[in-house]
Amino acid sequence: MSFLKRLVPLKADMAINLQSLTVENGQPFKGTASLSSKDNFKVEGVRLEIRVTEAWQEPDWERDSSGNTRQVMKKKEDLLFSRDVPISQQFDIGSGDRKEFPFEVTIPMRSPSRYGGVVSYSLKAVANVKGRPDVTKAVSPMVVPATVAQAAYMPSAPVTQVIQKEVIKVPCEYCGTLVELTSGVNKCPSCSAPLRLR
């Protein structure tokens, strides 16, 4: 394959459809990633890239061409959480084909750790194509605190830190059932097919 062809985007589109763009802390995002193609190519796999970042501004000093220094505000960013979740195996896709990949993932809620910090969440579907640009689509969902109504039902016992369980569910390649990935789970509970995610 020529070097120039490696730079040419494929004639394909990725989409992410979520049941809701906003969920309460601890609740999963449920949705589907879909790949539509007007080209013939091989996909190494589809994955979800989960990222949580915090952005803020802080003062810094810079020197101009005359040697004078002045204070400027510079944008900084910190990665708070990062995880890649495979939701498909290798497959071929042809012109006019459309493939869907259901998923269910929990993104941990984070609070700003700095004055003026803003936390943002990103969920990106990536179709990995060897030797060509990946086909991607990103959305910016929100994770919000549990509602006041739910908090009112909580007992007034001393507050303890709750370790949030991360839930990742991926589709069985044979029957499509969403299977929660936990240690020791290597078969689909519906059809008993082996789970073979890369």
C-alpha atoms as a PDB file:
ATOM      1  CA  MET A   1       0.000   0.000   0.000  1.00  0.00           C
ATOM      2  CA  SER A   2       1.379   3.395  -0.962  1.00  0.00           C
ATOM      3  CA  PHE A   3       2.185   5.951   1.727  1.00  0.00           C
ATOM      4  CA  LEU A   4      -0.349   8.430   0.305  1.00  0.00           C
ATOM      5  CA  LYS A   5      -3.172   5.872   0.461  1.00  0.00           C
ATOM      6  CA  ARG A   6      -2.492   5.453   4.187  1.00  0.00           C
ATOM      7  CA  LEU A   7      -3.493   9.098   4.641  1.00  0.00           C
ATOM      8  CA  VAL A   8      -6.761   8.905   2.671  1.00  0.00           C
ATOM      9  CA  PRO A   9      -9.825   8.478   4.934  1.00  0.00           C
ATOM     10  CA  LEU A  10     -12.106   5.547   4.210  1.00  0.00           C
ATOM     11  CA  LYS A  11     -15.604   6.124   2.876  1.00  0.00           C
ATOM     12  CA  ALA A  12     -17.238   5.089   6.128  1.00  0.00           C
ATOM     13  CA  ASP A  13     -19.030   6.691   9.063  1.00  0.00           C
ATOM     14  CA  MET A  14     -19.138   5.790  12.739  1.00  0.00           C
ATOM     15  CA  ALA A  15     -22.047   6.794  14.971  1.00  0.00           C
ATOM     16  CA  ILE A  16     -22.793   6.506  18.692  1.00  0.00           C
ATOM     17  CA  ASN A  17     -26.408   6.352  19.868  1.00  0.00           C
ATOM     18  CA  LEU A  18     -26.910   6.587  23.635  1.00  0.00           C
ATOM     19  CA  GLN A  19     -30.218   6.027  25.420  1.00  0.00           C
ATOM     20  CA  SER A  20     -29.332   9.127  27.445  1.00  0.00           C
ATOM     21  CA  LEU A  21     -26.460  11.628  27.302  1.00  0.00           C
ATOM     22  CA  THR A  22     -26.746  12.171  31.071  1.00  0.00           C
ATOM     23  CA  VAL A  23     -26.740   9.505  33.777  1.00  0.00           C
ATOM     24  CA  GLU A  24     -26.518   9.581  37.560  1.00  0.00           C
ATOM     25  CA  ASN A  25     -23.322   8.523  39.260  1.00  0.00           C
ATOM     26  CA  GLY A  26     -23.042   4.729  39.282  1.00  0.00           C
ATOM     27  CA  GLN A  27     -25.524   4.199  36.436  1.00  0.00           C
ATOM     28  CA  PRO A  28     -24.330   2.819  33.080  1.00  0.00           C
ATOM     29  CA  PHE A  29     -24.443   4.432  29.664  1.00  0.00           C
ATOM     30  CA  LYS A  30     -26.365   2.105  27.354  1.00  0.00           C
ATOM     31  CA  GLY A  31     -26.157   2.453  23.612  1.00  0.00           C
ATOM     32  CA  THR A  32     -24.952   1.272  20.249  1.00  0.00           C
ATOM     33  CA  ALA A  33     -21.959   2.086  18.086  1.00  0.00           C
ATOM     34  CA  SER A  34     -22.693   1.645  14.381  1.00  0.00           C
ATOM     35  CA  LEU A  35     -20.368   1.549  11.394  1.00  0.00           C
ATOM     36  CA  SER A  36     -21.718   2.334   7.907  1.00  0.00           C
ATOM     37  CA  SER A  37     -19.496   1.832   4.870  1.00  0.00           C
ATOM     38  CA  LYS A  38     -19.283   2.846   1.223  1.00  0.00           C
ATOM     39  CA  ASP A  39     -15.972   1.036   0.914  1.00  0.00           C
ATOM     40  CA  ASN A  40     -14.579  -2.498   1.269  1.00  0.00           C
ATOM     41  CA  PHE A  41     -12.045  -2.982   4.068  1.00  0.00           C
ATOM     42  CA  LYS A  42     -11.054  -5.098   7.052  1.00  0.00           C
ATOM     43  CA  VAL A  43     -11.616  -3.849  10.602  1.00  0.00           C
ATOM     44  CA  GLU A  44      -9.155  -5.066  13.233  1.00  0.00           C
ATOM     45  CA  GLY A  45     -11.755  -4.375  15.917  1.00  0.00           C
ATOM     46  CA  VAL A  46     -14.117  -1.734  17.307  1.00  0.00           C
ATOM     47  CA  ARG A  47     -13.405  -0.249  20.717  1.00  0.00           C
ATOM     48  CA  LEU A  48     -14.786   2.404  23.039  1.00  0.00           C
ATOM     49  CA  GLU A  49     -12.313   4.946  24.370  1.00  0.00           C
ATOM     50  CA  ILE A  50     -13.479   6.338  27.729  1.00  0.00           C
ATOM     51  CA  ARG A  51     -11.738   9.497  28.917  1.00  0.00           C
ATOM     52  CA  VAL A  52     -12.330  11.821  31.875  1.00  0.00           C
ATOM     53  CA  THR A  53     -10.272  15.019  31.918  1.00  0.00           C
ATOM     54  CA  GLU A  54      -9.983  18.156  34.015  1.00  0.00           C
ATOM     55  CA  ALA A  55      -9.095  21.495  32.404  1.00  0.00           C
ATOM     56  CA  TRP A  56      -8.112  24.705  34.170  1.00  0.00           C
ATOM     57  CA  GLN A  57      -6.097  27.880  33.667  1.00  0.00           C
ATOM     58  CA  GLU A  58      -3.132  28.962  35.715  1.00  0.00           C
ATOM     59  CA  PRO A  59      -0.733  31.918  35.541  1.00  0.00           C
ATOM     60  CA  ASP A  60       2.616  31.500  33.824  1.00  0.00           C
ATOM     61  CA  TRP A  61       5.418  33.788  32.738  1.00  0.00           C
ATOM     62  CA  GLU A  62       6.599  34.196  29.168  1.00  0.00           C
ATOM     63  CA  ARG A  63       9.386  36.284  27.633  1.00  0.00           C
ATOM     64  CA  ASP A  64       8.847  38.318  24.455  1.00  0.00           C
ATOM     65  CA  SER A  65      11.410  39.021  21.701  1.00  0.00           C
ATOM     66  CA  SER A  66      12.605  42.141  23.552  1.00  0.00           C
ATOM     67  CA  GLY A  67      13.452  40.143  26.656  1.00  0.00           C
ATOM     68  CA  ASN A  68      10.548  41.506  28.715  1.00  0.00           C
ATOM     69  CA  THR A  69       8.525  39.073  30.800  1.00  0.00           C
ATOM     70  CA  ARG A  70       4.791  39.178  31.288  1.00  0.00           C
ATOM     71  CA  GLN A  71       2.265  37.059  33.062  1.00  0.00           C
ATOM     72  CA  VAL A  72      -0.218  35.092  30.934  1.00  0.00           C
ATOM     73  CA  MET A  73      -2.932  32.553  31.689  1.00  0.00           C
ATOM     74  CA  LYS A  74      -2.226  29.146  30.180  1.00  0.00           C
ATOM     75  CA  LYS A  75      -4.681  26.300  29.766  1.00  0.00           C
ATOM     76  CA  LYS A  76      -3.704  23.057  31.469  1.00  0.00           C
ATOM     77  CA  GLU A  77      -5.313  19.641  31.251  1.00  0.00           C
ATOM     78  CA  ASP A  78      -5.030  16.489  33.308  1.00  0.00           C
ATOM     79  CA  LEU A  79      -6.259  12.986  32.411  1.00  0.00           C
ATOM     80  CA  LEU A  80      -8.255  11.646  35.378  1.00  0.00           C
ATOM     81  CA  PHE A  81      -9.483   8.350  33.909  1.00  0.00           C
ATOM     82  CA  SER A  82      -8.736   6.377  30.745  1.00  0.00           C
ATOM     83  CA  ARG A  83      -9.948   2.997  29.536  1.00  0.00           C
ATOM     84  CA  ASP A  84     -10.301   1.294  26.148  1.00  0.00           C
ATOM     85  CA  VAL A  85     -13.068  -1.311  25.920  1.00  0.00           C
ATOM     86  CA  PRO A  86     -13.172  -3.730  22.945  1.00  0.00           C
ATOM     87  CA  ILE A  87     -16.728  -4.266  21.679  1.00  0.00           C
ATOM     88  CA  SER A  88     -16.038  -6.338  18.565  1.00  0.00           C
ATOM     89  CA  GLN A  89     -13.585  -8.734  17.049  1.00  0.00           C
ATOM     90  CA  GLN A  90     -11.998  -8.605  13.605  1.00  0.00           C
ATOM     91  CA  PHE A  91     -14.402  -8.491  10.644  1.00  0.00           C
ATOM     92  CA  ASP A  92     -14.738  -7.502   6.988  1.00  0.00           C
ATOM     93  CA  ILE A  93     -17.181  -4.821   5.889  1.00  0.00           C
ATOM     94  CA  GLY A  94     -18.333  -4.108   2.343  1.00  0.00           C
ATOM     95  CA  SER A  95     -19.803  -1.189   0.473  1.00  0.00           C
ATOM     96  CA  GLY A  96     -23.387  -0.581   1.612  1.00  0.00           C
ATOM     97  CA  ASP A  97     -22.937  -2.595   4.827  1.00  0.00           C
ATOM     98  CA  ARG A  98     -23.888  -1.363   8.292  1.00  0.00           C
ATOM     99  CA  LYS A  99     -22.875  -3.104  11.499  1.00  0.00           C
ATOM    100  CA  GLU A 100     -24.054  -2.336  15.046  1.00  0.00           C
ATOM    101  CA  PHE A 101     -22.275  -3.007  18.333  1.00  0.00           C
ATOM    102  CA  PRO A 102     -24.356  -2.683  21.535  1.00  0.00           C
ATOM    103  CA  PHE A 103     -22.558  -1.727  24.729  1.00  0.00           C
ATOM    104  CA  GLU A 104     -23.132  -0.810  28.354  1.00  0.00           C
ATOM    105  CA  VAL A 105     -20.363   0.991  30.268  1.00  0.00           C
ATOM    106  CA  THR A 106     -20.094   2.868  33.545  1.00  0.00           C
ATOM    107  CA  ILE A 107     -17.959   6.005  33.646  1.00  0.00           C
ATOM    108  CA  PRO A 108     -16.739   7.064  37.093  1.00  0.00           C
ATOM    109  CA  MET A 109     -17.813  10.520  38.242  1.00  0.00           C
ATOM    110  CA  ARG A 110     -14.989  12.921  39.081  1.00  0.00           C
ATOM    111  CA  SER A 111     -15.035  16.310  40.822  1.00  0.00           C
ATOM    112  CA  PRO A 112     -12.690  19.204  40.012  1.00  0.00           C
ATOM    113  CA  SER A 113      -9.514  19.089  42.097  1.00  0.00           C
ATOM    114  CA  ARG A 114      -8.376  22.642  41.338  1.00  0.00           C
ATOM    115  CA  TYR A 115      -9.890  26.095  41.592  1.00  0.00           C
ATOM    116  CA  GLY A 116     -11.686  26.834  38.334  1.00  0.00           C
ATOM    117  CA  GLY A 117     -11.269  23.252  37.137  1.00  0.00           C
ATOM    118  CA  VAL A 118     -13.837  21.827  34.708  1.00  0.00           C
ATOM    119  CA  VAL A 119     -14.299  18.067  34.386  1.00  0.00           C
ATOM    120  CA  SER A 120     -15.371  16.688  31.002  1.00  0.00           C
ATOM    121  CA  TYR A 121     -16.303  13.189  29.864  1.00  0.00           C
ATOM    122  CA  SER A 122     -15.691  11.651  26.457  1.00  0.00           C
ATOM    123  CA  LEU A 123     -16.944   8.423  24.897  1.00  0.00           C
ATOM    124  CA  LYS A 124     -15.382   7.632  21.528  1.00  0.00           C
ATOM    125  CA  ALA A 125     -16.111   4.700  19.195  1.00  0.00           C
ATOM    126  CA  VAL A 126     -13.109   3.684  17.099  1.00  0.00           C
ATOM    127  CA  ALA A 127     -13.027   1.223  14.191  1.00  0.00           C
ATOM    128  CA  ASN A 128      -9.362   0.255  13.961  1.00  0.00           C
ATOM    129  CA  VAL A 129      -8.265  -0.185  10.332  1.00  0.00           C
ATOM    130  CA  LYS A 130      -4.720  -1.360   9.688  1.00  0.00           C
ATOM    131  CA  GLY A 131      -2.778   0.932   7.376  1.00  0.00           C
ATOM    132  CA  ARG A 132      -5.602   3.493   7.018  1.00  0.00           C
ATOM    133  CA  PRO A 133      -7.016   6.255   9.240  1.00  0.00           C
ATOM    134  CA  ASP A 134      -9.382   4.893  11.914  1.00  0.00           C
ATOM    135  CA  VAL A 135     -13.103   5.605  11.576  1.00  0.00           C
ATOM    136  CA  THR A 136     -14.206   7.403  14.754  1.00  0.00           C
ATOM    137  CA  LYS A 137     -17.053   9.246  16.433  1.00  0.00           C
ATOM    138  CA  ALA A 138     -16.997  10.901  19.873  1.00  0.00           C
ATOM    139  CA  VAL A 139     -19.750  12.193  22.130  1.00  0.00           C
ATOM    140  CA  SER A 140     -19.553  14.181  25.367  1.00  0.00           C
ATOM    141  CA  PRO A 141     -21.870  12.578  27.927  1.00  0.00           C
ATOM    142  CA  MET A 142     -22.409  13.811  31.498  1.00  0.00           C
ATOM    143  CA  VAL A 143     -22.250  12.010  34.841  1.00  0.00           C
ATOM    144  CA  VAL A 144     -24.198  13.838  37.566  1.00  0.00           C
ATOM    145  CA  PRO A 145     -24.643  13.255  41.306  1.00  0.00           C
ATOM    146  CA  ALA A 146     -27.543  11.109  42.508  1.00  0.00           C
ATOM    147  CA  THR A 147     -30.799  13.063  42.824  1.00  0.00           C
ATOM    148  CA  VAL A 148     -31.808  14.744  46.056  1.00  0.00           C
ATOM    149  CA  ALA A 149     -34.879  12.505  46.195  1.00  0.00           C
ATOM    150  CA  GLN A 150     -32.674   9.413  46.264  1.00  0.00           C
ATOM    151  CA  ALA A 151     -30.362  10.965  48.835  1.00  0.00           C
ATOM    152  CA  ALA A 152     -33.333  11.587  51.152  1.00  0.00           C
ATOM    153  CA  TYR A 153     -33.939   7.837  51.434  1.00  0.00           C
ATOM    154  CA  MET A 154     -30.368   7.100  52.460  1.00  0.00           C
ATOM    155  CA  PRO A 155     -29.869   6.305  56.168  1.00  0.00           C
ATOM    156  CA  SER A 156     -28.346   8.983  58.364  1.00  0.00           C
ATOM    157  CA  ALA A 157     -25.476   6.719  59.386  1.00  0.00           C
ATOM    158  CA  PRO A 158     -21.908   8.035  59.318  1.00  0.00           C
ATOM    159  CA  VAL A 159     -20.744   8.676  55.770  1.00  0.00           C
ATOM    160  CA  THR A 160     -18.199   6.195  54.457  1.00  0.00           C
ATOM    161  CA  GLN A 161     -16.416   6.217  51.140  1.00  0.00           C
ATOM    162  CA  VAL A 162     -18.133   3.981  48.603  1.00  0.00           C
ATOM    163  CA  ILE A 163     -15.922   2.200  46.106  1.00  0.00           C
ATOM    164  CA  GLN A 164     -17.834   2.393  42.833  1.00  0.00           C
ATOM    165  CA  LYS A 165     -17.907  -0.800  40.821  1.00  0.00           C
ATOM    166  CA  GLU A 166     -17.098  -0.307  37.158  1.00  0.00           C
ATOM    167  CA  VAL A 167     -19.499  -2.232  34.931  1.00  0.00           C
ATOM    168  CA  ILE A 168     -18.496  -3.205  31.415  1.00  0.00           C
ATOM    169  CA  LYS A 169     -20.860  -5.243  29.215  1.00  0.00           C
ATOM    170  CA  VAL A 170     -20.021  -6.458  25.727  1.00  0.00           C
ATOM    171  CA  PRO A 171     -22.080  -8.388  23.139  1.00  0.00           C
ATOM    172  CA  CYS A 172     -21.656 -12.126  22.567  1.00  0.00           C
ATOM    173  CA  GLU A 173     -20.484 -12.523  18.956  1.00  0.00           C
ATOM    174  CA  TYR A 174     -22.937 -15.407  18.391  1.00  0.00           C
ATOM    175  CA  CYS A 175     -26.277 -14.394  19.975  1.00  0.00           C
ATOM    176  CA  GLY A 176     -25.726 -10.689  20.771  1.00  0.00           C
ATOM    177  CA  THR A 177     -26.519 -10.978  24.504  1.00  0.00           C
ATOM    178  CA  LEU A 178     -24.781  -8.280  26.567  1.00  0.00           C
ATOM    179  CA  VAL A 179     -22.426 -10.083  28.961  1.00  0.00           C
ATOM    180  CA  GLU A 180     -20.887  -8.358  31.988  1.00  0.00           C
ATOM    181  CA  LEU A 181     -17.110  -8.746  31.995  1.00  0.00           C
ATOM    182  CA  THR A 182     -16.054 -10.055  35.397  1.00  0.00           C
ATOM    183  CA  SER A 183     -13.238 -12.313  36.482  1.00  0.00           C
ATOM    184  CA  GLY A 184     -13.973 -15.933  35.718  1.00  0.00           C
ATOM    185  CA  VAL A 185     -16.630 -15.234  33.076  1.00  0.00           C
ATOM    186  CA  ASN A 186     -15.540 -16.844  29.807  1.00  0.00           C
ATOM    187  CA  LYS A 187     -18.857 -18.073  28.365  1.00  0.00           C
ATOM    188  CA  CYS A 188     -22.083 -16.411  27.285  1.00  0.00           C
ATOM    189  CA  PRO A 189     -24.840 -17.195  29.843  1.00  0.00           C
ATOM    190  CA  SER A 190     -27.456 -17.408  27.042  1.00  0.00           C
ATOM    191  CA  CYS A 191     -25.819 -19.627  24.408  1.00  0.00           C
ATOM    192  CA  SER A 192     -22.676 -20.865  26.234  1.00  0.00           C
ATOM    193  CA  ALA A 193     -20.436 -19.643  23.402  1.00  0.00           C
ATOM    194  CA  PRO A 194     -16.882 -18.762  24.500  1.00  0.00           C
ATOM    195  CA  LEU A 195     -16.171 -15.052  24.892  1.00  0.00           C
ATOM    196  CA  ARG A 196     -13.219 -14.244  22.659  1.00  0.00           C
ATOM    197  CA  LEU A 197     -12.681 -10.501  22.868  1.00  0.00           C
ATOM    198  CA  ARG A 198      -9.219  -9.315  21.932  1.00  0.00           C
END
